[in-house]
């Protein structure tokens, strides 16, 4: 089992949800809204009057194969929306209680 955390500019929320829908993984996820940060290519997203963009994050627990499919979808979106910003982090889940 893997944990996948995706952080992304809210401007591409619909595109991300469409990609995840195609993978049948949107039945179980956690979304955190108004996440702030700075990306190497996307710049600051602080939700302020100076830097108004902001991010969201989606956390998904998935099997190893499905996690790989999610990561590939994020890679595809990164190529399409490089300036908006999207990144995925993946690690192993030892236990869910």
C-alpha atoms as a PDB file:
ATOM      1  CA  UNK A   1       0.000   0.000   0.000  1.00  0.00           C
ATOM      2  CA  UNK A   2       1.239   3.486  -0.901  1.00  0.00           C
ATOM      3  CA  UNK A   3       0.402   7.003   0.191  1.00  0.00           C
ATOM      4  CA  UNK A   4       0.319   9.599  -2.570  1.00  0.00           C
ATOM      5  CA  UNK A   5       0.233  13.305  -1.756  1.00  0.00           C
ATOM      6  CA  UNK A   6      -0.467  15.611  -4.683  1.00  0.00           C
ATOM      7  CA  UNK A   7      -0.023  19.371  -4.290  1.00  0.00           C
ATOM      8  CA  UNK A   8      -1.315  21.515  -7.131  1.00  0.00           C
ATOM      9  CA  UNK A   9      -2.459  24.966  -8.182  1.00  0.00           C
ATOM     10  CA  UNK A  10      -6.237  25.208  -7.741  1.00  0.00           C
ATOM     11  CA  UNK A  11      -6.410  26.548 -11.305  1.00  0.00           C
ATOM     12  CA  UNK A  12      -5.979  22.953 -12.549  1.00  0.00           C
ATOM     13  CA  UNK A  13      -8.301  21.281 -10.022  1.00  0.00           C
ATOM     14  CA  UNK A  14     -10.813  20.158 -12.654  1.00  0.00           C
ATOM     15  CA  UNK A  15      -8.091  18.637 -14.836  1.00  0.00           C
ATOM     16  CA  UNK A  16      -6.622  16.737 -11.893  1.00  0.00           C
ATOM     17  CA  UNK A  17      -9.999  15.436 -10.758  1.00  0.00           C
ATOM     18  CA  UNK A  18     -10.765  14.291 -14.306  1.00  0.00           C
ATOM     19  CA  UNK A  19      -7.453  12.401 -14.464  1.00  0.00           C
ATOM     20  CA  UNK A  20      -8.074  10.776 -11.065  1.00  0.00           C
ATOM     21  CA  UNK A  21     -11.641   9.920 -12.066  1.00  0.00           C
ATOM     22  CA  UNK A  22     -10.338   7.984 -15.073  1.00  0.00           C
ATOM     23  CA  UNK A  23      -8.207   5.936 -12.651  1.00  0.00           C
ATOM     24  CA  UNK A  24     -11.180   5.176 -10.362  1.00  0.00           C
ATOM     25  CA  UNK A  25      -9.438   6.559  -7.280  1.00  0.00           C
ATOM     26  CA  UNK A  26     -11.717   9.442  -6.304  1.00  0.00           C
ATOM     27  CA  UNK A  27     -13.990   7.356  -4.100  1.00  0.00           C
ATOM     28  CA  UNK A  28     -11.527   7.677  -1.242  1.00  0.00           C
ATOM     29  CA  UNK A  29      -9.260  10.676  -0.800  1.00  0.00           C
ATOM     30  CA  UNK A  30      -8.641  13.631   1.483  1.00  0.00           C
ATOM     31  CA  UNK A  31      -8.442  17.144   0.050  1.00  0.00           C
ATOM     32  CA  UNK A  32      -6.817  20.001   1.915  1.00  0.00           C
ATOM     33  CA  UNK A  33      -7.666  23.433   0.539  1.00  0.00           C
ATOM     34  CA  UNK A  34      -5.663  26.666   0.609  1.00  0.00           C
ATOM     35  CA  UNK A  35      -2.205  25.120   0.849  1.00  0.00           C
ATOM     36  CA  UNK A  36       0.581  27.642   0.328  1.00  0.00           C
ATOM     37  CA  UNK A  37       4.129  27.221  -0.888  1.00  0.00           C
ATOM     38  CA  UNK A  38       6.698  27.986  -3.528  1.00  0.00           C
ATOM     39  CA  UNK A  39       7.652  25.751  -6.449  1.00  0.00           C
ATOM     40  CA  UNK A  40      10.820  25.722  -8.508  1.00  0.00           C
ATOM     41  CA  UNK A  41       8.943  26.390 -11.751  1.00  0.00           C
ATOM     42  CA  UNK A  42       5.554  27.640 -10.553  1.00  0.00           C
ATOM     43  CA  UNK A  43       6.736  30.373  -8.185  1.00  0.00           C
ATOM     44  CA  UNK A  44       5.074  31.538  -4.965  1.00  0.00           C
ATOM     45  CA  UNK A  45       1.513  30.511  -4.197  1.00  0.00           C
ATOM     46  CA  UNK A  46       0.782  32.261  -0.932  1.00  0.00           C
ATOM     47  CA  UNK A  47      -2.881  33.267  -1.302  1.00  0.00           C
ATOM     48  CA  UNK A  48      -1.989  36.873  -0.473  1.00  0.00           C
ATOM     49  CA  UNK A  49      -2.681  40.175  -2.203  1.00  0.00           C
ATOM     50  CA  UNK A  50       0.872  40.142  -3.587  1.00  0.00           C
ATOM     51  CA  UNK A  51       0.995  36.429  -4.496  1.00  0.00           C
ATOM     52  CA  UNK A  52      -2.709  35.556  -4.929  1.00  0.00           C
ATOM     53  CA  UNK A  53      -2.387  32.010  -6.294  1.00  0.00           C
ATOM     54  CA  UNK A  54      -2.779  29.140  -3.854  1.00  0.00           C
ATOM     55  CA  UNK A  55      -2.673  25.369  -3.931  1.00  0.00           C
ATOM     56  CA  UNK A  56      -4.693  22.439  -2.732  1.00  0.00           C
ATOM     57  CA  UNK A  57      -3.453  19.000  -1.741  1.00  0.00           C
ATOM     58  CA  UNK A  58      -4.996  15.583  -2.219  1.00  0.00           C
ATOM     59  CA  UNK A  59      -3.953  12.571  -0.166  1.00  0.00           C
ATOM     60  CA  UNK A  60      -4.751   9.106  -1.554  1.00  0.00           C
ATOM     61  CA  UNK A  61      -4.015   5.658  -0.127  1.00  0.00           C
ATOM     62  CA  UNK A  62      -3.715   3.159  -2.984  1.00  0.00           C
ATOM     63  CA  UNK A  63      -2.247  -0.171  -3.950  1.00  0.00           C
ATOM     64  CA  UNK A  64       1.229  -0.172  -5.469  1.00  0.00           C
ATOM     65  CA  UNK A  65       0.023  -0.480  -9.075  1.00  0.00           C
ATOM     66  CA  UNK A  66      -2.667   2.180  -8.703  1.00  0.00           C
ATOM     67  CA  UNK A  67      -0.160   4.517  -7.028  1.00  0.00           C
ATOM     68  CA  UNK A  68       2.102   4.121 -10.056  1.00  0.00           C
ATOM     69  CA  UNK A  69      -0.804   5.059 -12.320  1.00  0.00           C
ATOM     70  CA  UNK A  70      -1.515   8.136 -10.200  1.00  0.00           C
ATOM     71  CA  UNK A  71       2.130   9.211 -10.383  1.00  0.00           C
ATOM     72  CA  UNK A  72       2.113   8.797 -14.168  1.00  0.00           C
ATOM     73  CA  UNK A  73      -1.024  10.952 -14.431  1.00  0.00           C
ATOM     74  CA  UNK A  74       0.663  13.653 -12.358  1.00  0.00           C
ATOM     75  CA  UNK A  75       3.750  13.486 -14.610  1.00  0.00           C
ATOM     76  CA  UNK A  76       1.485  13.971 -17.623  1.00  0.00           C
ATOM     77  CA  UNK A  77      -0.225  16.955 -15.974  1.00  0.00           C
ATOM     78  CA  UNK A  78       3.175  18.450 -15.017  1.00  0.00           C
ATOM     79  CA  UNK A  79       4.138  18.497 -18.682  1.00  0.00           C
ATOM     80  CA  UNK A  80       0.846  20.078 -19.683  1.00  0.00           C
ATOM     81  CA  UNK A  81       0.650  22.605 -16.811  1.00  0.00           C
ATOM     82  CA  UNK A  82       4.294  23.249 -15.857  1.00  0.00           C
ATOM     83  CA  UNK A  83       3.771  26.916 -14.941  1.00  0.00           C
ATOM     84  CA  UNK A  84       0.689  26.309 -12.803  1.00  0.00           C
ATOM     85  CA  UNK A  85       2.438  23.766 -10.597  1.00  0.00           C
ATOM     86  CA  UNK A  86       1.652  20.184  -9.626  1.00  0.00           C
ATOM     87  CA  UNK A  87       3.793  17.672  -7.779  1.00  0.00           C
ATOM     88  CA  UNK A  88       3.274  14.230  -6.262  1.00  0.00           C
ATOM     89  CA  UNK A  89       5.019  12.565  -3.339  1.00  0.00           C
ATOM     90  CA  UNK A  90       4.748   8.823  -2.703  1.00  0.00           C
ATOM     91  CA  UNK A  91       5.756   6.647   0.224  1.00  0.00           C
ATOM     92  CA  UNK A  92       4.962   3.246   1.704  1.00  0.00           C
ATOM     93  CA  UNK A  93       2.177   2.834   4.255  1.00  0.00           C
ATOM     94  CA  UNK A  94       3.078   0.346   6.973  1.00  0.00           C
ATOM     95  CA  UNK A  95      -0.317   0.301   8.638  1.00  0.00           C
ATOM     96  CA  UNK A  96      -3.792   1.842   8.437  1.00  0.00           C
ATOM     97  CA  UNK A  97      -5.944   1.729  11.564  1.00  0.00           C
END
